[in-house]
């Protein structure tokens, strides 16, 4: 390698010591002097590797309980001094500053400290100062200095060492990764600090992601895409292990997330089938197999090639039913051995196991890009309970209707607006999504219930005797009248329209029971 730069002096100070001993051993074998601090120096000495303490190198002792140990000219001058400028070299010689050609630093585990619920004081003490400063100094001077911030980068450097030194291309790539790492670190700190200060939307909001997968393309083949994790560890795609199947696409990931977030809403065994980010069948039952049968009945046509989510460990009975039709992705907290063996027969089917379910009531922030920026909002963690329902009609809903009303409204939360959901016996029987007016959504849902009934060989629409949920209020009585004509017996909606009285009167005239939630679930 004609542009290879040898490493004569390296500073190693890592909290994650994976691979560091072998790396240091190879550096020494290539003639490098090792500088180190604290636990890293101790680990290297135990391994028999010669180490010089940074304090000895700099002539300045560690002070303030270790808060200051590398923030000295002998370290930063050695990193920032340009080897191609005679004036820099002269100043370094004048002040006794030796060049440092490599820095391997991974930062104090601030994110992990916060994640385990540590005290405010412990979190503050796990804010690294010297580490980011060294990383940024080394990265700025990438022309001469190589910076390592992740254990998996060690192998790349080692591979070049055996050929005489590091290349400029590698140093540039690692410099970019270094600045990204310190940016993500600062983002985590500022986000945590804002929460501690009670600032939900601070003046400057920074986010960071770690690339988990480069995708073949985005929503369409002419778009590029990547899947990033945000470090929050919310159970779902970020925690999922892909057990089998083809590579996941952008649309697979988007639809799978929609399905898994929806299925987490339910307490009994539940199945959600999603197509194009909308549920096309949802059901709760005593078993996953029974829930599958009920969910599939709602829209067997759309379910073909869909995404299936379960909120329990998948068993053989459920697996046999799911694999009876073409399915793109199955996601669940886990699957037993028998179920895995059944899914394995479908080699292209993607099986994702997340280890847990997301908490639908947990706080969080969601983002949507717009021209020149992005919108941020708290996650829709609203959940309506029976106690919160306000009956506004003369007829009171029955016990079964109340159970179905709550179920339908939870499904509605995950259907694109305008959303109308018909449900009966804890299963959807008609879903209308994404229409420009609520009447059309209601008509589509009713039509789907008729089509599903025909597919099941029934002579009555599935919506007959069902309840109907609307994600927002009925602005006019016509949407409710359409539901009544479809056979619905009870209605759940947020209420709050200027024409509530008119809509209530229409419900009373049709003999419907209707409840208001006071909570809207728009989803765009």
Protein backbone atom coordinates (compact mmCIF):
# COMPACT_ATOMS: atom_id res chain seq x y z
CA UNK A 1 0.00 0.00 0.00
CA UNK A 2 1.80 3.12 -1.24
CA UNK A 3 -0.06 5.50 1.11
CA UNK A 4 0.26 3.29 4.22
CA UNK A 5 1.06 5.21 7.39
CA UNK A 6 2.84 3.23 10.13
CA UNK A 7 1.71 3.42 13.75
CA UNK A 8 4.55 4.26 16.12
CA UNK A 9 2.51 5.31 19.13
CA UNK A 10 -1.07 4.36 20.07
CA UNK A 11 -3.37 5.44 22.88
CA UNK A 12 -5.82 2.76 24.01
CA UNK A 13 -8.58 3.55 26.53
CA UNK A 14 -11.72 1.47 26.16
CA UNK A 15 -14.70 0.56 28.33
CA UNK A 16 -15.53 -2.37 26.04
CA UNK A 17 -12.34 -4.40 25.96
CA UNK A 18 -13.47 -6.88 23.32
CA UNK A 19 -10.44 -7.70 21.16
CA UNK A 20 -8.23 -4.99 22.66
CA UNK A 21 -5.55 -7.33 24.04
CA UNK A 22 -4.89 -9.03 20.70
CA UNK A 23 -4.99 -5.65 18.97
CA UNK A 24 -2.40 -4.20 21.37
CA UNK A 25 -0.23 -7.28 20.96
CA UNK A 26 -0.18 -6.78 17.19
CA UNK A 27 0.62 -3.08 17.58
CA UNK A 28 3.61 -3.93 19.74
CA UNK A 29 4.71 -6.56 17.23
CA UNK A 30 4.80 -3.80 14.62
CA UNK A 31 6.94 -1.59 16.82
CA UNK A 32 4.31 0.68 18.37
CA UNK A 33 4.48 2.15 21.87
CA UNK A 34 1.24 1.71 23.84
CA UNK A 35 -0.17 4.51 26.01
CA UNK A 36 -3.12 3.71 28.22
CA UNK A 37 -5.13 4.53 31.32
CA UNK A 38 -7.03 2.82 34.13
CA UNK A 39 -8.68 -0.50 33.51
CA UNK A 40 -7.39 -0.80 29.94
CA UNK A 41 -3.77 -0.41 31.09
CA UNK A 42 -4.34 -3.00 33.80
CA UNK A 43 -5.85 -5.51 31.35
CA UNK A 44 -2.93 -5.08 28.96
CA UNK A 45 -0.34 -5.50 31.71
CA UNK A 46 -2.03 -8.68 32.93
CA UNK A 47 -1.71 -9.96 29.35
CA UNK A 48 2.02 -9.19 29.43
CA UNK A 49 1.86 -6.24 27.04
CA UNK A 50 4.20 -3.29 27.82
CA UNK A 51 2.17 -0.16 28.59
CA UNK A 52 3.07 3.42 29.43
CA UNK A 53 0.59 5.34 31.57
CA UNK A 54 -0.75 8.51 29.97
CA UNK A 55 0.18 10.41 33.15
CA UNK A 56 3.80 9.32 32.74
CA UNK A 57 3.73 10.25 29.05
CA UNK A 58 2.24 13.70 29.67
CA UNK A 59 4.03 14.49 32.93
CA UNK A 60 0.67 15.52 34.38
CA UNK A 61 -1.13 13.34 36.95
CA UNK A 62 -4.75 12.29 36.84
CA UNK A 63 -6.81 14.70 38.98
CA UNK A 64 -10.39 15.31 40.09
CA UNK A 65 -11.18 11.62 40.57
CA UNK A 66 -10.06 10.86 37.02
CA UNK A 67 -12.18 13.58 35.40
CA UNK A 68 -8.95 15.06 34.02
CA UNK A 69 -6.33 12.65 32.69
CA UNK A 70 -6.10 13.04 28.90
CA UNK A 71 -7.14 16.69 28.55
CA UNK A 72 -3.54 17.86 28.26
CA UNK A 73 -1.39 19.30 25.40
CA UNK A 74 0.84 16.23 25.33
CA UNK A 75 -2.18 14.17 24.28
CA UNK A 76 -4.13 16.58 22.09
CA UNK A 77 -1.04 18.15 20.59
CA UNK A 78 0.16 14.66 19.70
CA UNK A 79 -3.17 13.97 17.98
CA UNK A 80 -3.80 17.33 16.28
CA UNK A 81 -0.29 18.22 15.14
CA UNK A 82 -0.03 18.07 11.34
CA UNK A 83 2.86 15.98 10.17
CA UNK A 84 2.99 17.83 6.84
CA UNK A 85 3.58 21.28 8.38
CA UNK A 86 7.10 22.13 9.48
CA UNK A 87 5.79 24.78 11.91
CA UNK A 88 3.58 22.21 13.68
CA UNK A 89 6.45 19.75 13.94
CA UNK A 90 8.74 22.45 15.30
CA UNK A 91 6.24 23.48 17.97
CA UNK A 92 5.67 19.86 18.96
CA UNK A 93 9.43 19.37 19.35
CA UNK A 94 9.78 22.62 21.30
CA UNK A 95 7.12 21.57 23.82
CA UNK A 96 8.14 17.92 24.02
CA UNK A 97 4.98 16.64 22.33
CA UNK A 98 5.31 13.23 20.71
CA UNK A 99 3.01 12.31 17.82
CA UNK A 100 0.20 9.83 18.56
CA UNK A 101 -0.76 7.88 15.46
CA UNK A 102 -3.75 5.89 16.70
CA UNK A 103 -6.50 6.33 19.28
CA UNK A 104 -8.81 3.50 20.28
CA UNK A 105 -11.53 4.82 22.55
CA UNK A 106 -15.07 3.72 23.26
CA UNK A 107 -16.94 5.98 25.56
CA UNK A 108 -18.21 5.68 29.09
CA UNK A 109 -21.45 3.64 28.89
CA UNK A 110 -23.81 6.58 29.34
CA UNK A 111 -26.66 5.05 27.30
CA UNK A 112 -26.46 1.74 29.20
CA UNK A 113 -26.34 3.59 32.53
CA UNK A 114 -29.54 5.47 31.70
CA UNK A 115 -31.20 2.31 30.38
CA UNK A 116 -30.71 0.48 33.67
CA UNK A 117 -32.41 3.29 35.60
CA UNK A 118 -29.34 4.66 37.40
CA UNK A 119 -29.52 7.74 39.59
CA UNK A 120 -29.10 11.25 38.22
CA UNK A 121 -25.63 11.46 39.80
CA UNK A 122 -24.50 8.15 38.29
CA UNK A 123 -25.69 9.22 34.87
CA UNK A 124 -23.76 12.48 35.15
CA UNK A 125 -20.58 10.64 36.14
CA UNK A 126 -20.96 8.43 33.08
CA UNK A 127 -20.79 11.41 30.73
CA UNK A 128 -17.42 11.00 29.03
CA UNK A 129 -15.49 14.20 28.35
CA UNK A 130 -11.91 13.16 27.61
CA UNK A 131 -12.98 10.33 25.33
CA UNK A 132 -15.04 12.43 22.88
CA UNK A 133 -12.34 15.10 22.90
CA UNK A 134 -9.66 12.57 21.88
CA UNK A 135 -11.93 11.00 19.29
CA UNK A 136 -12.66 14.36 17.68
CA UNK A 137 -9.00 15.41 17.74
CA UNK A 138 -7.91 12.17 16.09
CA UNK A 139 -10.74 12.28 13.55
CA UNK A 140 -9.98 15.87 12.57
CA UNK A 141 -6.38 14.87 11.86
CA UNK A 142 -7.31 11.73 9.91
CA UNK A 143 -4.61 12.53 7.36
CA UNK A 144 -2.12 11.15 9.87
CA UNK A 145 -4.10 9.60 12.72
CA UNK A 146 -6.41 6.57 12.79
CA UNK A 147 -9.32 6.57 15.26
CA UNK A 148 -11.15 3.45 16.46
CA UNK A 149 -14.47 3.86 18.30
CA UNK A 150 -16.08 0.40 18.00
CA UNK A 151 -14.59 -3.05 18.78
CA UNK A 152 -15.58 -4.37 15.34
CA UNK A 153 -13.30 -1.77 13.71
CA UNK A 154 -10.18 -3.33 15.24
CA UNK A 155 -10.08 -6.09 12.65
CA UNK A 156 -10.03 -3.56 9.77
CA UNK A 157 -7.02 -1.80 11.26
CA UNK A 158 -5.26 -5.08 12.03
CA UNK A 159 -5.69 -6.21 8.44
CA UNK A 160 -3.86 -3.11 7.21
CA UNK A 161 -1.16 -3.23 9.87
CA UNK A 162 0.20 -6.45 8.43
CA UNK A 163 0.68 -4.57 5.14
CA UNK A 164 2.76 -1.81 6.72
CA UNK A 165 0.24 0.69 8.08
CA UNK A 166 -3.19 2.24 7.65
CA UNK A 167 -4.46 3.72 4.41
CA UNK A 168 -5.94 7.18 3.98
CA UNK A 169 -9.18 5.60 2.77
CA UNK A 170 -9.55 3.63 6.02
CA UNK A 171 -8.67 6.65 8.16
CA UNK A 172 -11.25 8.82 6.38
CA UNK A 173 -13.93 6.17 6.82
CA UNK A 174 -13.13 5.72 10.52
CA UNK A 175 -13.07 9.50 11.01
CA UNK A 176 -16.63 9.77 9.69
CA UNK A 177 -17.71 6.94 11.99
CA UNK A 178 -15.99 8.70 14.90
CA UNK A 179 -17.84 11.98 14.40
CA UNK A 180 -21.10 10.04 14.04
CA UNK A 181 -20.38 8.25 17.32
CA UNK A 182 -19.72 11.42 19.30
CA UNK A 183 -22.79 13.04 17.73
CA UNK A 184 -24.95 10.09 18.78
CA UNK A 185 -23.42 10.18 22.26
CA UNK A 186 -24.14 13.89 22.65
CA UNK A 187 -27.64 13.30 21.29
CA UNK A 188 -28.31 10.68 23.96
CA UNK A 189 -27.05 13.01 26.68
CA UNK A 190 -29.04 16.03 25.49
CA UNK A 191 -32.22 13.95 25.09
CA UNK A 192 -31.83 12.56 28.61
CA UNK A 193 -31.08 16.01 30.03
CA UNK A 194 -34.16 17.48 28.35
CA UNK A 195 -36.30 14.76 29.94
CA UNK A 196 -34.74 15.45 33.33
CA UNK A 197 -35.62 19.12 32.88
CA UNK A 198 -39.19 18.32 31.82
CA UNK A 199 -38.66 19.60 28.27
CA UNK A 200 -40.62 17.40 25.90
CA UNK A 201 -39.67 19.48 22.87
CA UNK A 202 -36.40 21.37 23.56
CA UNK A 203 -35.27 24.20 21.30
CA UNK A 204 -32.67 21.95 19.67
CA UNK A 205 -33.68 18.32 19.21
CA UNK A 206 -31.08 15.83 18.03
CA UNK A 207 -31.61 12.22 17.07
CA UNK A 208 -29.22 9.43 16.20
CA UNK A 209 -29.51 6.02 14.63
CA UNK A 210 -27.32 2.98 14.15
CA UNK A 211 -27.50 1.29 10.76
CA UNK A 212 -28.83 -2.22 11.21
CA UNK A 213 -29.42 -3.05 7.57
CA UNK A 214 -28.94 -1.51 4.15
CA UNK A 215 -32.10 -2.34 2.25
CA UNK A 216 -32.35 -3.39 -1.38
CA UNK A 217 -34.50 -0.33 -2.08
CA UNK A 218 -37.21 1.81 -0.49
CA UNK A 219 -40.94 1.84 -1.10
CA UNK A 220 -40.12 1.64 -4.82
CA UNK A 221 -37.12 0.22 -6.68
CA UNK A 222 -35.84 3.67 -7.68
CA UNK A 223 -35.56 4.71 -3.99
CA UNK A 224 -32.66 3.85 -1.67
CA UNK A 225 -33.25 2.93 1.97
CA UNK A 226 -31.68 1.78 5.22
CA UNK A 227 -32.99 0.49 8.54
CA UNK A 228 -31.63 2.29 11.61
CA UNK A 229 -32.17 1.51 15.28
CA UNK A 230 -32.45 4.32 17.83
CA UNK A 231 -31.15 2.53 20.92
CA UNK A 232 -34.48 2.70 22.77
CA UNK A 233 -34.83 -1.11 22.82
CA UNK A 234 -38.60 -0.92 22.40
CA UNK A 235 -39.51 -4.55 21.59
CA UNK A 236 -40.18 -4.97 17.90
CA UNK A 237 -38.13 -4.71 14.75
CA UNK A 238 -35.07 -3.35 16.58
CA UNK A 239 -34.97 -6.34 18.94
CA UNK A 240 -36.10 -8.99 16.46
CA UNK A 241 -34.02 -11.93 15.36
CA UNK A 242 -34.79 -13.12 11.84
CA UNK A 243 -34.96 -16.88 12.17
CA UNK A 244 -35.48 -17.64 8.47
CA UNK A 245 -36.60 -16.28 5.15
CA UNK A 246 -35.59 -13.81 2.48
CA UNK A 247 -34.10 -10.41 3.19
CA UNK A 248 -36.62 -7.94 4.59
CA UNK A 249 -37.63 -5.04 2.39
CA UNK A 250 -38.55 -1.48 3.35
CA UNK A 251 -42.24 -2.26 2.91
CA UNK A 252 -41.90 -5.51 4.88
CA UNK A 253 -40.40 -3.60 7.80
CA UNK A 254 -42.99 -0.83 7.69
CA UNK A 255 -45.91 -3.26 7.57
CA UNK A 256 -44.42 -5.57 10.21
CA UNK A 257 -44.03 -2.68 12.63
CA UNK A 258 -47.68 -1.69 12.06
CA UNK A 259 -48.85 -5.25 12.70
CA UNK A 260 -46.77 -5.80 15.84
CA UNK A 261 -47.72 -2.48 17.43
CA UNK A 262 -51.39 -3.32 16.81
CA UNK A 263 -51.29 -6.87 18.20
CA UNK A 264 -49.65 -5.60 21.40
CA UNK A 265 -52.89 -3.78 22.24
CA UNK A 266 -54.71 -6.98 23.22
CA UNK A 267 -54.69 -9.02 26.41
CA UNK A 268 -56.00 -12.36 25.12
CA UNK A 269 -54.21 -14.38 22.42
CA UNK A 270 -54.50 -12.22 19.30
CA UNK A 271 -53.63 -12.22 15.62
CA UNK A 272 -53.28 -9.17 13.37
CA UNK A 273 -53.00 -9.47 9.60
CA UNK A 274 -51.69 -6.34 7.86
CA UNK A 275 -51.56 -5.33 4.21
CA UNK A 276 -50.04 -2.02 3.11
CA UNK A 277 -49.72 -0.84 6.74
CA UNK A 278 -53.46 -1.32 7.45
CA UNK A 279 -54.98 -4.18 9.44
CA UNK A 280 -57.17 -6.32 7.19
CA UNK A 281 -58.08 -8.77 9.96
CA UNK A 282 -57.77 -8.67 13.76
CA UNK A 283 -59.09 -11.05 16.39
CA UNK A 284 -58.75 -12.10 20.01
CA UNK A 285 -59.60 -15.65 21.09
CA UNK A 286 -58.71 -18.41 23.52
CA UNK A 287 -55.88 -19.57 21.26
CA UNK A 288 -53.77 -18.14 18.45
CA UNK A 289 -55.22 -20.70 16.05
CA UNK A 290 -58.78 -19.59 16.81
CA UNK A 291 -57.73 -15.94 16.57
CA UNK A 292 -56.18 -16.66 13.16
CA UNK A 293 -59.39 -18.21 11.86
CA UNK A 294 -61.44 -15.21 12.96
CA UNK A 295 -58.93 -12.64 11.68
CA UNK A 296 -58.62 -14.36 8.29
CA UNK A 297 -62.40 -14.51 7.84
CA UNK A 298 -62.58 -10.68 7.88
CA UNK A 299 -60.73 -10.29 4.55
CA UNK A 300 -59.25 -13.51 3.14
CA UNK A 301 -58.40 -11.83 -0.18
CA UNK A 302 -56.26 -9.05 1.30
CA UNK A 303 -54.61 -11.47 3.74
CA UNK A 304 -52.85 -13.22 0.85
CA UNK A 305 -49.23 -12.06 0.87
CA UNK A 306 -49.75 -10.14 4.12
CA UNK A 307 -47.91 -9.66 7.39
CA UNK A 308 -49.02 -11.68 10.44
CA UNK A 309 -48.37 -10.63 14.03
CA UNK A 310 -49.10 -12.65 17.18
CA UNK A 311 -48.93 -11.59 20.82
CA UNK A 312 -48.11 -15.04 22.20
CA UNK A 313 -45.51 -17.74 21.61
CA UNK A 314 -46.39 -19.33 18.27
CA UNK A 315 -47.34 -23.00 18.52
CA UNK A 316 -47.75 -25.76 15.93
CA UNK A 317 -51.51 -25.31 15.52
CA UNK A 318 -51.15 -21.60 14.75
CA UNK A 319 -48.17 -22.22 12.47
CA UNK A 320 -50.07 -24.79 10.41
CA UNK A 321 -52.93 -22.36 9.84
CA UNK A 322 -50.72 -19.38 9.01
CA UNK A 323 -48.65 -21.33 6.49
CA UNK A 324 -51.77 -22.59 4.73
CA UNK A 325 -51.76 -19.34 2.71
CA UNK A 326 -48.92 -17.27 1.26
CA UNK A 327 -47.54 -14.99 3.96
CA UNK A 328 -44.61 -12.58 3.64
CA UNK A 329 -43.66 -12.11 7.32
CA UNK A 330 -44.66 -13.60 10.67
CA UNK A 331 -43.65 -11.71 13.82
CA UNK A 332 -44.18 -12.78 17.44
CA UNK A 333 -42.41 -12.67 20.79
CA UNK A 334 -41.27 -16.28 20.27
CA UNK A 335 -42.10 -19.61 18.62
CA UNK A 336 -41.79 -23.12 20.01
CA UNK A 337 -39.73 -25.80 18.30
CA UNK A 338 -42.72 -27.41 16.58
CA UNK A 339 -43.86 -24.08 15.14
CA UNK A 340 -40.36 -23.28 13.90
CA UNK A 341 -40.18 -26.63 12.13
CA UNK A 342 -43.49 -25.92 10.36
CA UNK A 343 -42.42 -22.43 9.29
CA UNK A 344 -39.12 -23.89 8.01
CA UNK A 345 -41.07 -25.69 5.28
CA UNK A 346 -41.71 -22.25 3.76
CA UNK A 347 -38.12 -21.21 3.15
CA UNK A 348 -38.98 -17.75 1.81
CA UNK A 349 -41.30 -16.86 4.70
CA UNK A 350 -39.60 -14.42 7.05
CA UNK A 351 -39.98 -15.36 10.73
CA UNK A 352 -39.12 -12.61 13.24
CA UNK A 353 -38.97 -13.22 16.98
CA UNK A 354 -38.74 -10.13 19.17
CA UNK A 355 -38.40 -11.57 22.67
CA UNK A 356 -41.17 -9.37 24.09
CA UNK A 357 -44.14 -7.17 23.24
CA UNK A 358 -44.04 -3.36 23.14
CA UNK A 359 -46.04 -1.58 25.82
CA UNK A 360 -48.82 0.28 23.96
CA UNK A 361 -49.15 2.73 26.85
CA UNK A 362 -45.43 3.53 27.09
CA UNK A 363 -44.38 7.10 26.28
CA UNK A 364 -42.20 7.81 23.28
CA UNK A 365 -41.71 10.15 20.35
CA UNK A 366 -42.51 9.58 16.70
CA UNK A 367 -41.19 11.55 13.72
CA UNK A 368 -42.40 12.38 10.23
CA UNK A 369 -40.30 14.17 7.65
CA UNK A 370 -41.59 17.29 5.92
CA UNK A 371 -39.89 19.64 3.46
CA UNK A 372 -37.10 21.36 5.37
CA UNK A 373 -37.58 19.54 8.65
CA UNK A 374 -39.62 17.00 10.54
CA UNK A 375 -42.63 16.77 12.81
CA UNK A 376 -42.23 15.28 16.27
CA UNK A 377 -45.04 14.13 18.52
CA UNK A 378 -45.59 11.86 21.48
CA UNK A 379 -46.58 8.32 20.52
CA UNK A 380 -50.34 7.66 20.53
CA UNK A 381 -50.33 5.82 23.84
CA UNK A 382 -53.99 6.56 24.58
CA UNK A 383 -56.10 3.60 25.67
CA UNK A 384 -59.80 3.89 26.45
CA UNK A 385 -61.22 1.73 29.24
CA UNK A 386 -64.80 0.73 29.97
CA UNK A 387 -64.93 3.19 32.85
CA UNK A 388 -64.18 6.10 30.51
CA UNK A 389 -67.03 5.41 28.09
CA UNK A 390 -69.99 7.78 28.13
CA UNK A 391 -73.29 6.31 26.95
CA UNK A 392 -75.17 9.03 25.02
CA UNK A 393 -78.15 7.10 23.63
CA UNK A 394 -81.34 5.85 25.21
CA UNK A 395 -80.29 2.25 24.70
CA UNK A 396 -77.47 0.98 26.87
CA UNK A 397 -74.92 -1.32 25.21
CA UNK A 398 -74.92 -4.95 26.33
CA UNK A 399 -71.94 -6.55 28.06
CA UNK A 400 -70.84 -8.22 24.80
CA UNK A 401 -71.25 -4.98 22.87
CA UNK A 402 -69.08 -3.16 25.40
CA UNK A 403 -66.31 -5.75 25.00
CA UNK A 404 -66.53 -5.47 21.24
CA UNK A 405 -66.64 -1.67 21.33
CA UNK A 406 -63.37 -1.47 23.28
CA UNK A 407 -61.81 -4.05 20.94
CA UNK A 408 -62.94 -2.19 17.81
CA UNK A 409 -61.70 1.17 19.07
CA UNK A 410 -58.26 -0.31 19.80
CA UNK A 411 -58.10 -1.63 16.25
CA UNK A 412 -59.24 1.77 14.93
CA UNK A 413 -56.15 3.35 16.49
CA UNK A 414 -54.03 1.40 14.01
CA UNK A 415 -56.10 1.98 10.85
CA UNK A 416 -55.32 4.89 8.53
CA UNK A 417 -57.79 7.76 8.80
CA UNK A 418 -60.59 8.06 8.00
CA UNK A 419 -61.05 4.75 9.79
CA UNK A 420 -64.17 2.66 10.33
CA UNK A 421 -64.01 -0.76 11.98
CA UNK A 422 -66.86 -3.26 12.37
CA UNK A 423 -66.29 -5.98 14.99
CA UNK A 424 -68.23 -8.86 16.48
CA UNK A 425 -67.18 -11.33 19.19
CA UNK A 426 -63.70 -9.73 19.44
CA UNK A 427 -62.96 -10.04 15.74
CA UNK A 428 -63.06 -7.51 12.95
CA UNK A 429 -65.73 -8.19 10.34
CA UNK A 430 -65.18 -5.14 8.12
CA UNK A 431 -62.52 -2.42 7.91
CA UNK A 432 -62.64 0.81 5.90
CA UNK A 433 -59.37 2.75 5.81
CA UNK A 434 -57.79 5.88 4.42
CA UNK A 435 -60.76 7.45 2.65
CA UNK A 436 -61.24 11.16 2.18
CA UNK A 437 -64.60 11.09 3.99
CA UNK A 438 -65.98 8.93 6.75
CA UNK A 439 -69.09 7.84 4.83
CA UNK A 440 -66.94 6.17 2.18
CA UNK A 441 -64.90 4.38 4.83
CA UNK A 442 -68.12 3.13 6.39
CA UNK A 443 -69.43 1.94 3.03
CA UNK A 444 -66.18 0.17 2.18
CA UNK A 445 -66.14 -1.58 5.56
CA UNK A 446 -69.75 -2.72 5.05
CA UNK A 447 -68.99 -3.91 1.53
CA UNK A 448 -65.97 -5.88 2.79
CA UNK A 449 -68.15 -7.56 5.42
CA UNK A 450 -70.53 -8.66 2.66
CA UNK A 451 -67.66 -9.97 0.52
CA UNK A 452 -66.19 -11.85 3.49
CA UNK A 453 -69.56 -13.42 4.25
CA UNK A 454 -69.86 -14.68 0.68
CA UNK A 455 -66.32 -16.09 0.82
CA UNK A 456 -67.30 -17.94 4.01
CA UNK A 457 -70.51 -19.28 2.42
CA UNK A 458 -72.80 -17.24 4.66
CA UNK A 459 -76.05 -15.66 3.50
CA UNK A 460 -75.80 -12.64 5.82
CA UNK A 461 -73.14 -9.90 6.00
CA UNK A 462 -70.64 -10.40 8.81
CA UNK A 463 -71.40 -6.87 9.99
CA UNK A 464 -74.95 -7.81 10.96
CA UNK A 465 -75.16 -7.58 14.75
CA UNK A 466 -71.69 -6.04 14.98
CA UNK A 467 -70.44 -2.88 16.65
CA UNK A 468 -68.77 -0.07 14.72
CA UNK A 469 -65.85 2.14 15.74
CA UNK A 470 -64.81 5.46 14.22
CA UNK A 471 -61.38 6.99 14.87
CA UNK A 472 -62.89 10.49 14.94
CA UNK A 473 -66.37 11.90 15.46
CA UNK A 474 -69.13 11.54 12.90
CA UNK A 475 -69.50 15.11 11.54
CA UNK A 476 -72.90 14.22 10.09
CA UNK A 477 -75.47 11.50 10.74
CA UNK A 478 -74.91 9.90 7.31
CA UNK A 479 -71.85 7.91 8.37
CA UNK A 480 -73.72 6.47 11.33
CA UNK A 481 -76.79 5.75 9.18
CA UNK A 482 -74.56 3.79 6.79
CA UNK A 483 -73.32 1.73 9.74
CA UNK A 484 -76.86 1.08 10.89
CA UNK A 485 -77.83 -0.04 7.39
CA UNK A 486 -74.91 -2.47 7.43
CA UNK A 487 -76.38 -4.11 10.54
CA UNK A 488 -74.35 -2.53 13.36
CA UNK A 489 -76.09 -2.46 16.75
CA UNK A 490 -73.71 -0.23 18.73
CA UNK A 491 -71.27 2.60 18.00
CA UNK A 492 -68.10 3.91 19.61
CA UNK A 493 -66.70 7.29 18.60
CA UNK A 494 -64.86 10.20 20.24
CA UNK A 495 -67.77 12.67 20.11
CA UNK A 496 -67.20 16.42 20.09
CA UNK A 497 -68.88 17.38 16.82
CA UNK A 498 -71.06 20.49 16.54
CA UNK A 499 -73.73 18.05 15.30
CA UNK A 500 -73.43 15.49 18.11
CA UNK A 501 -77.08 15.99 18.99
CA UNK A 502 -78.10 15.22 15.40
CA UNK A 503 -75.95 12.08 15.34
CA UNK A 504 -77.29 10.93 18.73
CA UNK A 505 -80.84 11.43 17.51
CA UNK A 506 -80.08 9.31 14.43
CA UNK A 507 -78.67 6.57 16.66
CA UNK A 508 -81.76 6.63 18.85
CA UNK A 509 -84.01 6.49 15.80
CA UNK A 510 -82.13 3.43 14.53
CA UNK A 511 -82.22 1.76 17.96
CA UNK A 512 -78.43 1.83 18.30
CA UNK A 513 -76.45 2.12 21.50
CA UNK A 514 -73.67 4.70 21.23
CA UNK A 515 -70.78 5.63 23.52
CA UNK A 516 -68.35 8.56 23.39
CA UNK A 517 -64.69 8.12 24.30
CA UNK A 518 -63.53 11.73 24.39
CA UNK A 519 -60.35 10.52 22.67
CA UNK A 520 -59.55 10.67 18.96
CA UNK A 521 -57.18 8.31 17.13
CA UNK A 522 -56.26 9.98 13.84
CA UNK A 523 -53.50 8.09 11.99
CA UNK A 524 -52.05 9.63 8.84
